[in-house]
Amino acid sequence: MISQRLINFAAAIGVLLGAMGFVRSGSLIVGAALTFTGVRQERRIERYVPMAIGVALVIVAIVLPHGR
């Protein structure tokens, strides 16, 4: 499985890309990192909330009209 350190690094890269202006790419990376965060959790709420937030960020990235 993917280590938590790698997931945190990917999320940080996504935030950095978003801050630099690549909002769509940053949102996709952060969404994927959030989704992978919830995969290993045992309880339902801890598993599905990060996945829902990740999916919502991917949807926002797709819907953005002028994202790069």
N, C-alpha and C. Protein backbone atom coordinates (compact mmCIF):
# COMPACT_ATOMS: atom_id res chain seq x y z
N MET A 1 0.83 -1.18 0.00
CA MET A 1 0.00 0.00 0.00
C MET A 1 0.88 1.25 0.00
N ILE A 2 0.29 2.36 -0.25
CA ILE A 2 1.01 3.62 -0.33
C ILE A 2 1.26 4.14 1.09
N SER A 3 2.48 4.60 1.35
CA SER A 3 2.82 5.08 2.68
C SER A 3 2.19 6.46 2.93
N GLN A 4 1.95 6.75 4.19
CA GLN A 4 1.35 8.03 4.57
C GLN A 4 2.27 9.20 4.22
N ARG A 5 3.56 8.97 4.29
CA ARG A 5 4.53 10.02 3.94
C ARG A 5 4.44 10.41 2.47
N LEU A 6 4.26 9.42 1.60
CA LEU A 6 4.11 9.68 0.17
C LEU A 6 2.81 10.42 -0.12
N ILE A 7 1.75 10.04 0.58
CA ILE A 7 0.46 10.71 0.41
C ILE A 7 0.56 12.18 0.83
N ASN A 8 1.21 12.43 1.97
CA ASN A 8 1.39 13.81 2.43
C ASN A 8 2.24 14.62 1.45
N PHE A 9 3.27 14.00 0.90
CA PHE A 9 4.13 14.68 -0.08
C PHE A 9 3.33 15.03 -1.34
N ALA A 10 2.51 14.09 -1.81
CA ALA A 10 1.68 14.35 -2.99
C ALA A 10 0.69 15.47 -2.74
N ALA A 11 0.10 15.49 -1.55
CA ALA A 11 -0.84 16.57 -1.21
C ALA A 11 -0.12 17.92 -1.17
N ALA A 12 1.08 17.94 -0.63
CA ALA A 12 1.85 19.19 -0.57
C ALA A 12 2.20 19.68 -1.98
N ILE A 13 2.56 18.77 -2.85
CA ILE A 13 2.85 19.13 -4.25
C ILE A 13 1.59 19.69 -4.91
N GLY A 14 0.44 19.08 -4.65
CA GLY A 14 -0.83 19.55 -5.21
C GLY A 14 -1.17 20.95 -4.74
N VAL A 15 -0.96 21.22 -3.45
CA VAL A 15 -1.22 22.56 -2.92
C VAL A 15 -0.26 23.56 -3.54
N LEU A 16 0.99 23.18 -3.70
CA LEU A 16 1.98 24.07 -4.31
C LEU A 16 1.61 24.37 -5.77
N LEU A 17 1.21 23.36 -6.51
CA LEU A 17 0.78 23.58 -7.90
C LEU A 17 -0.43 24.51 -7.96
N GLY A 18 -1.38 24.31 -7.04
CA GLY A 18 -2.55 25.17 -7.01
C GLY A 18 -2.20 26.61 -6.70
N ALA A 19 -1.25 26.80 -5.79
CA ALA A 19 -0.81 28.16 -5.43
C ALA A 19 -0.07 28.83 -6.58
N MET A 20 0.59 28.03 -7.42
CA MET A 20 1.33 28.59 -8.55
C MET A 20 0.43 28.89 -9.74
N GLY A 21 -0.85 28.50 -9.67
CA GLY A 21 -1.77 28.82 -10.74
C GLY A 21 -2.29 27.62 -11.50
N PHE A 22 -1.76 26.46 -11.25
CA PHE A 22 -2.23 25.26 -11.91
C PHE A 22 -3.32 24.61 -11.04
N VAL A 23 -4.47 25.28 -10.98
CA VAL A 23 -5.52 24.91 -10.05
C VAL A 23 -6.10 23.54 -10.38
N ARG A 24 -6.32 23.26 -11.63
CA ARG A 24 -6.92 21.98 -12.02
C ARG A 24 -5.99 20.82 -11.66
N SER A 25 -4.72 20.93 -11.99
CA SER A 25 -3.77 19.86 -11.68
C SER A 25 -3.60 19.70 -10.17
N GLY A 26 -3.51 20.82 -9.46
CA GLY A 26 -3.37 20.77 -8.02
C GLY A 26 -4.58 20.12 -7.36
N SER A 27 -5.76 20.44 -7.85
CA SER A 27 -6.98 19.87 -7.29
C SER A 27 -7.05 18.36 -7.54
N LEU A 28 -6.63 17.93 -8.71
CA LEU A 28 -6.62 16.49 -9.00
C LEU A 28 -5.65 15.74 -8.08
N ILE A 29 -4.47 16.31 -7.86
CA ILE A 29 -3.48 15.66 -7.02
C ILE A 29 -3.92 15.62 -5.56
N VAL A 30 -4.45 16.74 -5.07
CA VAL A 30 -4.92 16.77 -3.68
C VAL A 30 -6.12 15.84 -3.51
N GLY A 31 -7.00 15.80 -4.49
CA GLY A 31 -8.15 14.89 -4.42
C GLY A 31 -7.73 13.44 -4.38
N ALA A 32 -6.75 13.08 -5.18
CA ALA A 32 -6.26 11.70 -5.17
C ALA A 32 -5.59 11.38 -3.84
N ALA A 33 -4.82 12.33 -3.30
CA ALA A 33 -4.15 12.10 -2.02
C ALA A 33 -5.18 11.93 -0.90
N LEU A 34 -6.23 12.74 -0.91
CA LEU A 34 -7.28 12.60 0.11
C LEU A 34 -8.00 11.27 -0.02
N THR A 35 -8.22 10.85 -1.24
CA THR A 35 -8.89 9.56 -1.45
C THR A 35 -8.04 8.42 -0.92
N PHE A 36 -6.74 8.45 -1.16
CA PHE A 36 -5.87 7.40 -0.66
C PHE A 36 -5.71 7.44 0.86
N THR A 37 -5.93 8.62 1.45
CA THR A 37 -5.86 8.73 2.91
C THR A 37 -6.94 7.89 3.57
N GLY A 38 -8.12 7.86 2.99
CA GLY A 38 -9.24 7.15 3.59
C GLY A 38 -9.29 5.67 3.32
N VAL A 39 -8.44 5.15 2.46
CA VAL A 39 -8.52 3.75 2.07
C VAL A 39 -8.23 2.80 3.23
N ARG A 40 -7.26 3.12 4.06
CA ARG A 40 -6.82 2.19 5.10
C ARG A 40 -7.58 2.33 6.41
N GLN A 41 -8.53 3.22 6.51
CA GLN A 41 -9.23 3.46 7.77
C GLN A 41 -10.24 2.33 8.04
N GLU A 42 -10.46 2.06 9.31
CA GLU A 42 -11.36 0.99 9.72
C GLU A 42 -12.81 1.46 9.86
N ARG A 43 -13.00 2.64 10.46
CA ARG A 43 -14.35 3.12 10.70
C ARG A 43 -14.94 3.75 9.45
N ARG A 44 -16.24 3.68 9.32
CA ARG A 44 -16.90 4.17 8.11
C ARG A 44 -16.69 5.65 7.87
N ILE A 45 -16.93 6.47 8.88
CA ILE A 45 -16.84 7.92 8.69
C ILE A 45 -15.42 8.34 8.34
N GLU A 46 -14.43 7.68 8.92
CA GLU A 46 -13.04 8.02 8.64
C GLU A 46 -12.61 7.53 7.26
N ARG A 47 -13.34 6.61 6.70
CA ARG A 47 -13.02 6.12 5.37
C ARG A 47 -13.73 6.93 4.29
N TYR A 48 -15.00 7.23 4.48
CA TYR A 48 -15.79 7.80 3.40
C TYR A 48 -15.72 9.32 3.31
N VAL A 49 -15.49 10.02 4.40
CA VAL A 49 -15.40 11.48 4.33
C VAL A 49 -14.20 11.93 3.50
N PRO A 50 -12.98 11.40 3.73
CA PRO A 50 -11.86 11.82 2.85
C PRO A 50 -12.09 11.42 1.38
N MET A 51 -12.71 10.27 1.17
CA MET A 51 -12.99 9.87 -0.22
C MET A 51 -14.00 10.82 -0.87
N ALA A 52 -15.01 11.24 -0.11
CA ALA A 52 -16.01 12.18 -0.65
C ALA A 52 -15.38 13.53 -0.96
N ILE A 53 -14.51 14.00 -0.08
CA ILE A 53 -13.83 15.28 -0.32
C ILE A 53 -12.92 15.16 -1.54
N GLY A 54 -12.22 14.04 -1.66
CA GLY A 54 -11.35 13.82 -2.82
C GLY A 54 -12.13 13.79 -4.13
N VAL A 55 -13.25 13.11 -4.13
CA VAL A 55 -14.09 13.05 -5.33
C VAL A 55 -14.64 14.44 -5.66
N ALA A 56 -15.04 15.19 -4.62
CA ALA A 56 -15.54 16.55 -4.85
C ALA A 56 -14.46 17.44 -5.46
N LEU A 57 -13.22 17.31 -5.02
CA LEU A 57 -12.14 18.10 -5.60
C LEU A 57 -11.88 17.72 -7.05
N VAL A 58 -11.99 16.45 -7.38
CA VAL A 58 -11.82 16.03 -8.77
C VAL A 58 -12.94 16.60 -9.63
N ILE A 59 -14.16 16.60 -9.11
CA ILE A 59 -15.29 17.17 -9.85
C ILE A 59 -15.09 18.67 -10.06
N VAL A 60 -14.62 19.37 -9.05
CA VAL A 60 -14.33 20.80 -9.18
C VAL A 60 -13.26 21.02 -10.24
N ALA A 61 -12.26 20.16 -10.26
CA ALA A 61 -11.18 20.31 -11.26
C ALA A 61 -11.70 20.11 -12.67
N ILE A 62 -12.64 19.22 -12.83
CA ILE A 62 -13.21 18.98 -14.17
C ILE A 62 -14.11 20.13 -14.61
N VAL A 63 -14.85 20.70 -13.67
CA VAL A 63 -15.84 21.72 -13.99
C VAL A 63 -15.24 23.12 -14.18
N LEU A 64 -14.03 23.35 -13.66
CA LEU A 64 -13.43 24.67 -13.78
C LEU A 64 -13.36 25.12 -15.24
N PRO A 65 -13.85 26.31 -15.52
CA PRO A 65 -13.91 26.72 -16.92
C PRO A 65 -12.57 27.16 -17.50
N HIS A 66 -11.73 27.79 -16.70
CA HIS A 66 -10.46 28.32 -17.24
C HIS A 66 -9.26 27.78 -16.50
N GLY A 67 -9.36 26.57 -15.97
CA GLY A 67 -8.21 25.99 -15.28
C GLY A 67 -7.12 25.60 -16.27
N ARG A 68 -5.88 25.63 -15.79
CA ARG A 68 -4.77 25.25 -16.68
C ARG A 68 -4.38 23.83 -16.44
